[in-house]
Amino acid sequence: MTLTENQSAAMTALIKNCLDVMGGTCVADLVDDPWVYARAEDLVNAGWTQKQAEGTFGSLVAGGYIYHDVGGNYTNDLYALDGYDVDFSNLLQFHK
């Protein structure tokens, strides 16, 4: 799947938010962080409207860039940026 400019910007914003929350500066800092989660609200906080955030977030989930955490955090409706394979190399393309 080729991401749109909007989707790429959203991934960059979500990674930045995760890094800000954990005090990191690069994707490598996220590797050992157990809290690499995002919500559509994070995009609203980064400047998207609620409707834009929901649509963009949903398209990233559908494309496999963000994964619904069906484990213990499912009830909190959290989404993981790293998926279940813990392969952060896919996030490197979005970190600027």
PDB file of N, CA and C in Angstrom:
ATOM      1  N   MET A   1       0.841  -1.185   0.000  1.00  0.00           N
ATOM      2  CA  MET A   1       0.000   0.000   0.000  1.00  0.00           C
ATOM      3  C   MET A   1       0.884   1.246   0.000  1.00  0.00           C
ATOM      4  N   THR A   2       0.642   2.120  -0.920  1.00  0.00           N
ATOM      5  CA  THR A   2       1.330   3.402  -0.964  1.00  0.00           C
ATOM      6  C   THR A   2       0.507   4.399  -0.161  1.00  0.00           C
ATOM      7  N   LEU A   3       1.158   5.017   0.789  1.00  0.00           N
ATOM      8  CA  LEU A   3       0.455   5.967   1.638  1.00  0.00           C
ATOM      9  C   LEU A   3       0.286   7.314   0.944  1.00  0.00           C
ATOM     10  N   THR A   4      -0.822   7.959   1.243  1.00  0.00           N
ATOM     11  CA  THR A   4      -1.039   9.311   0.770  1.00  0.00           C
ATOM     12  C   THR A   4      -0.166  10.261   1.588  1.00  0.00           C
ATOM     13  N   GLU A   5      -0.068  11.489   1.137  1.00  0.00           N
ATOM     14  CA  GLU A   5       0.686  12.497   1.888  1.00  0.00           C
ATOM     15  C   GLU A   5       0.082  12.681   3.284  1.00  0.00           C
ATOM     16  N   ASN A   6      -1.239  12.659   3.364  1.00  0.00           N
ATOM     17  CA  ASN A   6      -1.937  12.803   4.641  1.00  0.00           C
ATOM     18  C   ASN A   6      -1.632  11.635   5.572  1.00  0.00           C
ATOM     19  N   GLN A   7      -1.651  10.415   5.046  1.00  0.00           N
ATOM     20  CA  GLN A   7      -1.362   9.250   5.872  1.00  0.00           C
ATOM     21  C   GLN A   7       0.085   9.263   6.370  1.00  0.00           C
ATOM     22  N   SER A   8       1.003   9.643   5.504  1.00  0.00           N
ATOM     23  CA  SER A   8       2.409   9.744   5.909  1.00  0.00           C
ATOM     24  C   SER A   8       2.587  10.790   7.003  1.00  0.00           C
ATOM     25  N   ALA A   9       1.918  11.929   6.840  1.00  0.00           N
ATOM     26  CA  ALA A   9       1.985  12.981   7.865  1.00  0.00           C
ATOM     27  C   ALA A   9       1.397  12.481   9.182  1.00  0.00           C
ATOM     28  N   ALA A  10       0.340  11.702   9.088  1.00  0.00           N
ATOM     29  CA  ALA A  10      -0.283  11.155  10.300  1.00  0.00           C
ATOM     30  C   ALA A  10       0.657  10.182  11.007  1.00  0.00           C
ATOM     31  N   MET A  11       1.316   9.312  10.252  1.00  0.00           N
ATOM     32  CA  MET A  11       2.263   8.383  10.871  1.00  0.00           C
ATOM     33  C   MET A  11       3.394   9.138  11.548  1.00  0.00           C
ATOM     34  N   THR A  12       3.879  10.183  10.886  1.00  0.00           N
ATOM     35  CA  THR A  12       4.936  11.005  11.480  1.00  0.00           C
ATOM     36  C   THR A  12       4.447  11.642  12.781  1.00  0.00           C
ATOM     37  N   ALA A  13       3.231  12.161  12.777  1.00  0.00           N
ATOM     38  CA  ALA A  13       2.665  12.785  13.980  1.00  0.00           C
ATOM     39  C   ALA A  13       2.472  11.765  15.095  1.00  0.00           C
ATOM     40  N   LEU A  14       2.017  10.570  14.755  1.00  0.00           N
ATOM     41  CA  LEU A  14       1.793   9.537  15.770  1.00  0.00           C
ATOM     42  C   LEU A  14       3.109   9.062  16.380  1.00  0.00           C
ATOM     43  N   ILE A  15       4.125   8.904  15.553  1.00  0.00           N
ATOM     44  CA  ILE A  15       5.440   8.511  16.074  1.00  0.00           C
ATOM     45  C   ILE A  15       5.995   9.613  16.964  1.00  0.00           C
ATOM     46  N   LYS A  16       5.871  10.851  16.529  1.00  0.00           N
ATOM     47  CA  LYS A  16       6.340  11.986  17.345  1.00  0.00           C
ATOM     48  C   LYS A  16       5.626  12.006  18.688  1.00  0.00           C
ATOM     49  N   ASN A  17       4.319  11.749  18.674  1.00  0.00           N
ATOM     50  CA  ASN A  17       3.565  11.728  19.927  1.00  0.00           C
ATOM     51  C   ASN A  17       4.084  10.622  20.851  1.00  0.00           C
ATOM     52  N   CYS A  18       4.308   9.442  20.316  1.00  0.00           N
ATOM     53  CA  CYS A  18       4.831   8.343  21.135  1.00  0.00           C
ATOM     54  C   CYS A  18       6.195   8.695  21.716  1.00  0.00           C
ATOM     55  N   LEU A  19       7.053   9.298  20.895  1.00  0.00           N
ATOM     56  CA  LEU A  19       8.372   9.697  21.378  1.00  0.00           C
ATOM     57  C   LEU A  19       8.263  10.773  22.452  1.00  0.00           C
ATOM     58  N   ASP A  20       7.370  11.737  22.261  1.00  0.00           N
ATOM     59  CA  ASP A  20       7.176  12.793  23.256  1.00  0.00           C
ATOM     60  C   ASP A  20       6.700  12.214  24.579  1.00  0.00           C
ATOM     61  N   VAL A  21       5.776  11.263  24.516  1.00  0.00           N
ATOM     62  CA  VAL A  21       5.220  10.664  25.732  1.00  0.00           C
ATOM     63  C   VAL A  21       6.293   9.911  26.511  1.00  0.00           C
ATOM     64  N   MET A  22       7.180   9.215  25.791  1.00  0.00           N
ATOM     65  CA  MET A  22       8.176   8.410  26.489  1.00  0.00           C
ATOM     66  C   MET A  22       9.513   9.115  26.666  1.00  0.00           C
ATOM     67  N   GLY A  23       9.645  10.318  26.112  1.00  0.00           N
ATOM     68  CA  GLY A  23      10.881  11.073  26.275  1.00  0.00           C
ATOM     69  C   GLY A  23      11.981  10.650  25.325  1.00  0.00           C
ATOM     70  N   GLY A  24      11.621  10.011  24.229  1.00  0.00           N
ATOM     71  CA  GLY A  24      12.616   9.559  23.270  1.00  0.00           C
ATOM     72  C   GLY A  24      12.857  10.568  22.171  1.00  0.00           C
ATOM     73  N   THR A  25      13.872  10.268  21.363  1.00  0.00           N
ATOM     74  CA  THR A  25      14.216  11.166  20.264  1.00  0.00           C
ATOM     75  C   THR A  25      14.266  10.467  18.912  1.00  0.00           C
ATOM     76  N   CYS A  26      14.334   9.138  18.900  1.00  0.00           N
ATOM     77  CA  CYS A  26      14.417   8.419  17.628  1.00  0.00           C
ATOM     78  C   CYS A  26      13.643   7.108  17.728  1.00  0.00           C
ATOM     79  N   VAL A  27      13.373   6.505  16.587  1.00  0.00           N
ATOM     80  CA  VAL A  27      12.586   5.275  16.547  1.00  0.00           C
ATOM     81  C   VAL A  27      13.237   4.185  17.393  1.00  0.00           C
ATOM     82  N   ALA A  28      14.559   4.139  17.431  1.00  0.00           N
ATOM     83  CA  ALA A  28      15.249   3.123  18.231  1.00  0.00           C
ATOM     84  C   ALA A  28      14.842   3.215  19.703  1.00  0.00           C
ATOM     85  N   ASP A  29      14.507   4.406  20.170  1.00  0.00           N
ATOM     86  CA  ASP A  29      14.070   4.569  21.559  1.00  0.00           C
ATOM     87  C   ASP A  29      12.752   3.847  21.821  1.00  0.00           C
ATOM     88  N   LEU A  30      11.966   3.648  20.789  1.00  0.00           N
ATOM     89  CA  LEU A  30      10.667   2.990  20.955  1.00  0.00           C
ATOM     90  C   LEU A  30      10.779   1.477  21.103  1.00  0.00           C
ATOM     91  N   VAL A  31      11.894   0.903  20.684  1.00  0.00           N
ATOM     92  CA  VAL A  31      12.044  -0.549  20.662  1.00  0.00           C
ATOM     93  C   VAL A  31      11.800  -1.170  22.028  1.00  0.00           C
ATOM     94  N   ASP A  32      12.329  -0.596  23.069  1.00  0.00           N
ATOM     95  CA  ASP A  32      12.172  -1.164  24.403  1.00  0.00           C
ATOM     96  C   ASP A  32      11.025  -0.544  25.187  1.00  0.00           C
ATOM     97  N   ASP A  33      10.268   0.331  24.556  1.00  0.00           N
ATOM     98  CA  ASP A  33       9.150   0.989  25.232  1.00  0.00           C
ATOM     99  C   ASP A  33       7.902   0.132  25.091  1.00  0.00           C
ATOM    100  N   PRO A  34       7.291  -0.269  26.195  1.00  0.00           N
ATOM    101  CA  PRO A  34       6.095  -1.103  26.110  1.00  0.00           C
ATOM    102  C   PRO A  34       4.834  -0.301  25.769  1.00  0.00           C
ATOM    103  N   TRP A  35       4.961   0.978  25.535  1.00  0.00           N
ATOM    104  CA  TRP A  35       3.775   1.815  25.343  1.00  0.00           C
ATOM    105  C   TRP A  35       3.839   2.560  24.018  1.00  0.00           C
ATOM    106  N   VAL A  36       3.847   1.835  22.922  1.00  0.00           N
ATOM    107  CA  VAL A  36       3.902   2.439  21.598  1.00  0.00           C
ATOM    108  C   VAL A  36       2.490   2.386  21.015  1.00  0.00           C
ATOM    109  N   TYR A  37       1.618   3.121  21.663  1.00  0.00           N
ATOM    110  CA  TYR A  37       0.200   3.108  21.309  1.00  0.00           C
ATOM    111  C   TYR A  37      -0.245   4.466  20.806  1.00  0.00           C
ATOM    112  N   ALA A  38      -1.320   4.445  20.027  1.00  0.00           N
ATOM    113  CA  ALA A  38      -1.869   5.675  19.481  1.00  0.00           C
ATOM    114  C   ALA A  38      -3.385   5.571  19.430  1.00  0.00           C
ATOM    115  N   ARG A  39      -3.998   6.707  19.389  1.00  0.00           N
ATOM    116  CA  ARG A  39      -5.447   6.819  19.223  1.00  0.00           C
ATOM    117  C   ARG A  39      -5.710   7.910  18.197  1.00  0.00           C
ATOM    118  N   ALA A  40      -6.896   7.899  17.618  1.00  0.00           N
ATOM    119  CA  ALA A  40      -7.269   8.940  16.656  1.00  0.00           C
ATOM    120  C   ALA A  40      -7.185  10.320  17.313  1.00  0.00           C
ATOM    121  N   GLU A  41      -7.425  10.389  18.611  1.00  0.00           N
ATOM    122  CA  GLU A  41      -7.363  11.666  19.330  1.00  0.00           C
ATOM    123  C   GLU A  41      -5.971  12.292  19.248  1.00  0.00           C
ATOM    124  N   ASP A  42      -4.942  11.449  19.089  1.00  0.00           N
ATOM    125  CA  ASP A  42      -3.591  11.977  18.959  1.00  0.00           C
ATOM    126  C   ASP A  42      -3.453  12.809  17.686  1.00  0.00           C
ATOM    127  N   LEU A  43      -4.176  12.425  16.639  1.00  0.00           N
ATOM    128  CA  LEU A  43      -4.148  13.213  15.403  1.00  0.00           C
ATOM    129  C   LEU A  43      -4.912  14.517  15.578  1.00  0.00           C
ATOM    130  N   VAL A  44      -5.989  14.484  16.335  1.00  0.00           N
ATOM    131  CA  VAL A  44      -6.725  15.725  16.627  1.00  0.00           C
ATOM    132  C   VAL A  44      -5.796  16.687  17.363  1.00  0.00           C
ATOM    133  N   ASN A  45      -5.058  16.168  18.323  1.00  0.00           N
ATOM    134  CA  ASN A  45      -4.120  17.007  19.073  1.00  0.00           C
ATOM    135  C   ASN A  45      -3.001  17.549  18.187  1.00  0.00           C
ATOM    136  N   ALA A  46      -2.745  16.875  17.063  1.00  0.00           N
ATOM    137  CA  ALA A  46      -1.699  17.302  16.138  1.00  0.00           C
ATOM    138  C   ALA A  46      -2.234  18.195  15.019  1.00  0.00           C
ATOM    139  N   GLY A  47      -3.548  18.505  15.041  1.00  0.00           N
ATOM    140  CA  GLY A  47      -4.086  19.460  14.090  1.00  0.00           C
ATOM    141  C   GLY A  47      -5.158  18.953  13.135  1.00  0.00           C
ATOM    142  N   TRP A  48      -5.414  17.667  13.118  1.00  0.00           N
ATOM    143  CA  TRP A  48      -6.487  17.143  12.273  1.00  0.00           C
ATOM    144  C   TRP A  48      -7.835  17.453  12.930  1.00  0.00           C
ATOM    145  N   THR A  49      -8.879  17.604  12.137  1.00  0.00           N
ATOM    146  CA  THR A  49     -10.214  17.705  12.718  1.00  0.00           C
ATOM    147  C   THR A  49     -10.609  16.309  13.193  1.00  0.00           C
ATOM    148  N   GLN A  50     -11.627  16.223  14.022  1.00  0.00           N
ATOM    149  CA  GLN A  50     -12.058  14.922  14.513  1.00  0.00           C
ATOM    150  C   GLN A  50     -12.415  13.990  13.354  1.00  0.00           C
ATOM    151  N   LYS A  51     -13.153  14.492  12.397  1.00  0.00           N
ATOM    152  CA  LYS A  51     -13.569  13.668  11.259  1.00  0.00           C
ATOM    153  C   LYS A  51     -12.362  13.248  10.413  1.00  0.00           C
ATOM    154  N   GLN A  52     -11.440  14.175  10.164  1.00  0.00           N
ATOM    155  CA  GLN A  52     -10.229  13.842   9.406  1.00  0.00           C
ATOM    156  C   GLN A  52      -9.399  12.793  10.142  1.00  0.00           C
ATOM    157  N   ALA A  53      -9.268  12.974  11.459  1.00  0.00           N
ATOM    158  CA  ALA A  53      -8.477  12.044  12.265  1.00  0.00           C
ATOM    159  C   ALA A  53      -9.078  10.643  12.225  1.00  0.00           C
ATOM    160  N   GLU A  54     -10.372  10.552  12.372  1.00  0.00           N
ATOM    161  CA  GLU A  54     -11.018   9.240  12.354  1.00  0.00           C
ATOM    162  C   GLU A  54     -10.825   8.549  11.006  1.00  0.00           C
ATOM    163  N   GLY A  55     -11.002   9.300   9.918  1.00  0.00           N
ATOM    164  CA  GLY A  55     -10.839   8.725   8.590  1.00  0.00           C
ATOM    165  C   GLY A  55      -9.403   8.306   8.310  1.00  0.00           C
ATOM    166  N   THR A  56      -8.475   9.176   8.650  1.00  0.00           N
ATOM    167  CA  THR A  56      -7.063   8.884   8.423  1.00  0.00           C
ATOM    168  C   THR A  56      -6.621   7.707   9.271  1.00  0.00           C
ATOM    169  N   PHE A  57      -6.994   7.715  10.531  1.00  0.00           N
ATOM    170  CA  PHE A  57      -6.612   6.644  11.442  1.00  0.00           C
ATOM    171  C   PHE A  57      -7.193   5.319  10.946  1.00  0.00           C
ATOM    172  N   GLY A  58      -8.464   5.350  10.555  1.00  0.00           N
ATOM    173  CA  GLY A  58      -9.112   4.138  10.046  1.00  0.00           C
ATOM    174  C   GLY A  58      -8.419   3.608   8.809  1.00  0.00           C
ATOM    175  N   SER A  59      -7.974   4.484   7.937  1.00  0.00           N
ATOM    176  CA  SER A  59      -7.290   4.034   6.726  1.00  0.00           C
ATOM    177  C   SER A  59      -5.921   3.441   7.058  1.00  0.00           C
ATOM    178  N   LEU A  60      -5.255   3.954   8.076  1.00  0.00           N
ATOM    179  CA  LEU A  60      -3.968   3.388   8.497  1.00  0.00           C
ATOM    180  C   LEU A  60      -4.157   2.013   9.132  1.00  0.00           C
ATOM    181  N   VAL A  61      -5.226   1.853   9.878  1.00  0.00           N
ATOM    182  CA  VAL A  61      -5.541   0.544  10.458  1.00  0.00           C
ATOM    183  C   VAL A  61      -5.847  -0.447   9.331  1.00  0.00           C
ATOM    184  N   ALA A  62      -6.678  -0.026   8.387  1.00  0.00           N
ATOM    185  CA  ALA A  62      -7.064  -0.904   7.273  1.00  0.00           C
ATOM    186  C   ALA A  62      -5.846  -1.299   6.437  1.00  0.00           C
ATOM    187  N   GLY A  63      -4.870  -0.402   6.338  1.00  0.00           N
ATOM    188  CA  GLY A  63      -3.671  -0.666   5.556  1.00  0.00           C
ATOM    189  C   GLY A  63      -2.607  -1.459   6.294  1.00  0.00           C
ATOM    190  N   GLY A  64      -2.825  -1.723   7.578  1.00  0.00           N
ATOM    191  CA  GLY A  64      -1.872  -2.509   8.348  1.00  0.00           C
ATOM    192  C   GLY A  64      -0.706  -1.732   8.910  1.00  0.00           C
ATOM    193  N   TYR A  65      -0.819  -0.413   8.972  1.00  0.00           N
ATOM    194  CA  TYR A  65       0.241   0.401   9.566  1.00  0.00           C
ATOM    195  C   TYR A  65       0.050   0.581  11.063  1.00  0.00           C
ATOM    196  N   ILE A  66      -1.166   0.418  11.507  1.00  0.00           N
ATOM    197  CA  ILE A  66      -1.524   0.496  12.929  1.00  0.00           C
ATOM    198  C   ILE A  66      -2.402  -0.710  13.218  1.00  0.00           C
ATOM    199  N   TYR A  67      -2.191  -1.319  14.387  1.00  0.00           N
ATOM    200  CA  TYR A  67      -2.906  -2.546  14.712  1.00  0.00           C
ATOM    201  C   TYR A  67      -3.725  -2.380  15.980  1.00  0.00           C
ATOM    202  N   HIS A  68      -4.970  -2.819  15.938  1.00  0.00           N
ATOM    203  CA  HIS A  68      -5.809  -2.773  17.133  1.00  0.00           C
ATOM    204  C   HIS A  68      -5.251  -3.764  18.138  1.00  0.00           C
ATOM    205  N   ASP A  69      -4.964  -3.297  19.316  1.00  0.00           N
ATOM    206  CA  ASP A  69      -4.416  -4.147  20.368  1.00  0.00           C
ATOM    207  C   ASP A  69      -5.549  -4.958  20.975  1.00  0.00           C
ATOM    208  N   VAL A  70      -5.616  -6.212  20.619  1.00  0.00           N
ATOM    209  CA  VAL A  70      -6.702  -7.063  21.104  1.00  0.00           C
ATOM    210  C   VAL A  70      -6.317  -7.793  22.384  1.00  0.00           C
ATOM    211  N   GLY A  71      -5.172  -7.448  22.944  1.00  0.00           N
ATOM    212  CA  GLY A  71      -4.742  -8.039  24.206  1.00  0.00           C
ATOM    213  C   GLY A  71      -5.365  -7.312  25.376  1.00  0.00           C
ATOM    214  N   GLY A  72      -4.606  -7.113  26.404  1.00  0.00           N
ATOM    215  CA  GLY A  72      -5.100  -6.486  27.622  1.00  0.00           C
ATOM    216  C   GLY A  72      -5.562  -5.058  27.450  1.00  0.00           C
ATOM    217  N   ASN A  73      -5.113  -4.392  26.398  1.00  0.00           N
ATOM    218  CA  ASN A  73      -5.487  -2.999  26.194  1.00  0.00           C
ATOM    219  C   ASN A  73      -6.674  -2.828  25.262  1.00  0.00           C
ATOM    220  N   TYR A  74      -7.247  -3.917  24.817  1.00  0.00           N
ATOM    221  CA  TYR A  74      -8.375  -3.852  23.893  1.00  0.00           C
ATOM    222  C   TYR A  74      -9.528  -3.052  24.487  1.00  0.00           C
ATOM    223  N   THR A  75      -9.784  -3.236  25.761  1.00  0.00           N
ATOM    224  CA  THR A  75     -10.902  -2.526  26.394  1.00  0.00           C
ATOM    225  C   THR A  75     -10.651  -1.026  26.460  1.00  0.00           C
ATOM    226  N   ASN A  76      -9.379  -0.630  26.404  1.00  0.00           N
ATOM    227  CA  ASN A  76      -9.033   0.791  26.381  1.00  0.00           C
ATOM    228  C   ASN A  76      -9.033   1.348  24.964  1.00  0.00           C
ATOM    229  N   ASP A  77      -9.344   0.484  23.992  1.00  0.00           N
ATOM    230  CA  ASP A  77      -9.404   0.866  22.578  1.00  0.00           C
ATOM    231  C   ASP A  77      -8.095   1.494  22.114  1.00  0.00           C
ATOM    232  N   LEU A  78      -6.993   0.815  22.416  1.00  0.00           N
ATOM    233  CA  LEU A  78      -5.681   1.298  22.018  1.00  0.00           C
ATOM    234  C   LEU A  78      -5.213   0.612  20.736  1.00  0.00           C
ATOM    235  N   TYR A  79      -4.362   1.304  20.016  1.00  0.00           N
ATOM    236  CA  TYR A  79      -3.816   0.803  18.762  1.00  0.00           C
ATOM    237  C   TYR A  79      -2.304   0.855  18.832  1.00  0.00           C
ATOM    238  N   ALA A  80      -1.651  -0.191  18.353  1.00  0.00           N
ATOM    239  CA  ALA A  80      -0.198  -0.292  18.402  1.00  0.00           C
ATOM    240  C   ALA A  80       0.410   0.152  17.077  1.00  0.00           C
ATOM    241  N   LEU A  81       1.462   0.945  17.159  1.00  0.00           N
ATOM    242  CA  LEU A  81       2.165   1.360  15.952  1.00  0.00           C
ATOM    243  C   LEU A  81       3.079   0.267  15.425  1.00  0.00           C
ATOM    244  N   ASP A  82       3.515  -0.631  16.289  1.00  0.00           N
ATOM    245  CA  ASP A  82       4.489  -1.629  15.880  1.00  0.00           C
ATOM    246  C   ASP A  82       3.864  -2.949  15.453  1.00  0.00           C
ATOM    247  N   GLY A  83       2.589  -3.118  15.643  1.00  0.00           N
ATOM    248  CA  GLY A  83       1.955  -4.383  15.297  1.00  0.00           C
ATOM    249  C   GLY A  83       2.377  -5.487  16.238  1.00  0.00           C
ATOM    250  N   TYR A  84       2.308  -6.705  15.766  1.00  0.00           N
ATOM    251  CA  TYR A  84       2.620  -7.839  16.632  1.00  0.00           C
ATOM    252  C   TYR A  84       3.959  -8.467  16.304  1.00  0.00           C
ATOM    253  N   ASP A  85       4.590  -8.006  15.237  1.00  0.00           N
ATOM    254  CA  ASP A  85       5.878  -8.579  14.871  1.00  0.00           C
ATOM    255  C   ASP A  85       7.037  -7.801  15.481  1.00  0.00           C
ATOM    256  N   VAL A  86       6.747  -6.728  16.166  1.00  0.00           N
ATOM    257  CA  VAL A  86       7.741  -5.875  16.815  1.00  0.00           C
ATOM    258  C   VAL A  86       8.853  -5.508  15.835  1.00  0.00           C
ATOM    259  N   ASP A  87       8.475  -5.165  14.632  1.00  0.00           N
ATOM    260  CA  ASP A  87       9.424  -4.737  13.608  1.00  0.00           C
ATOM    261  C   ASP A  87       9.277  -3.231  13.435  1.00  0.00           C
ATOM    262  N   PHE A  88      10.203  -2.507  13.996  1.00  0.00           N
ATOM    263  CA  PHE A  88      10.125  -1.057  13.962  1.00  0.00           C
ATOM    264  C   PHE A  88      10.720  -0.464  12.691  1.00  0.00           C
ATOM    265  N   SER A  89      11.302  -1.307  11.843  1.00  0.00           N
ATOM    266  CA  SER A  89      11.930  -0.777  10.646  1.00  0.00           C
ATOM    267  C   SER A  89      10.919  -0.067   9.742  1.00  0.00           C
ATOM    268  N   ASN A  90       9.665  -0.506   9.780  1.00  0.00           N
ATOM    269  CA  ASN A  90       8.649   0.160   8.967  1.00  0.00           C
ATOM    270  C   ASN A  90       8.362   1.584   9.462  1.00  0.00           C
ATOM    271  N   LEU A  91       8.670   1.883  10.711  1.00  0.00           N
ATOM    272  CA  LEU A  91       8.426   3.217  11.252  1.00  0.00           C
ATOM    273  C   LEU A  91       9.522   4.211  10.869  1.00  0.00           C
ATOM    274  N   LEU A  92      10.687   3.697  10.501  1.00  0.00           N
ATOM    275  CA  LEU A  92      11.803   4.579  10.178  1.00  0.00           C
ATOM    276  C   LEU A  92      11.493   5.521   9.020  1.00  0.00           C
ATOM    277  N   GLN A  93      10.701   5.065   8.070  1.00  0.00           N
ATOM    278  CA  GLN A  93      10.379   5.902   6.922  1.00  0.00           C
ATOM    279  C   GLN A  93       9.563   7.132   7.280  1.00  0.00           C
ATOM    280  N   PHE A  94       8.938   7.125   8.457  1.00  0.00           N
ATOM    281  CA  PHE A  94       8.071   8.227   8.850  1.00  0.00           C
ATOM    282  C   PHE A  94       8.700   9.170   9.866  1.00  0.00           C
ATOM    283  N   HIS A  95       9.785   8.750  10.472  1.00  0.00           N
ATOM    284  CA  HIS A  95      10.405   9.599  11.490  1.00  0.00           C
ATOM    285  C   HIS A  95      11.329  10.591  10.838  1.00  0.00           C
ATOM    286  N   LYS A  96      11.064  11.873  11.103  1.00  0.00           N
ATOM    287  CA  LYS A  96      11.872  12.936  10.494  1.00  0.00           C
ATOM    288  C   LYS A  96      12.529  13.774  11.543  1.00  0.00           C
TER     289      LYS A  96
END
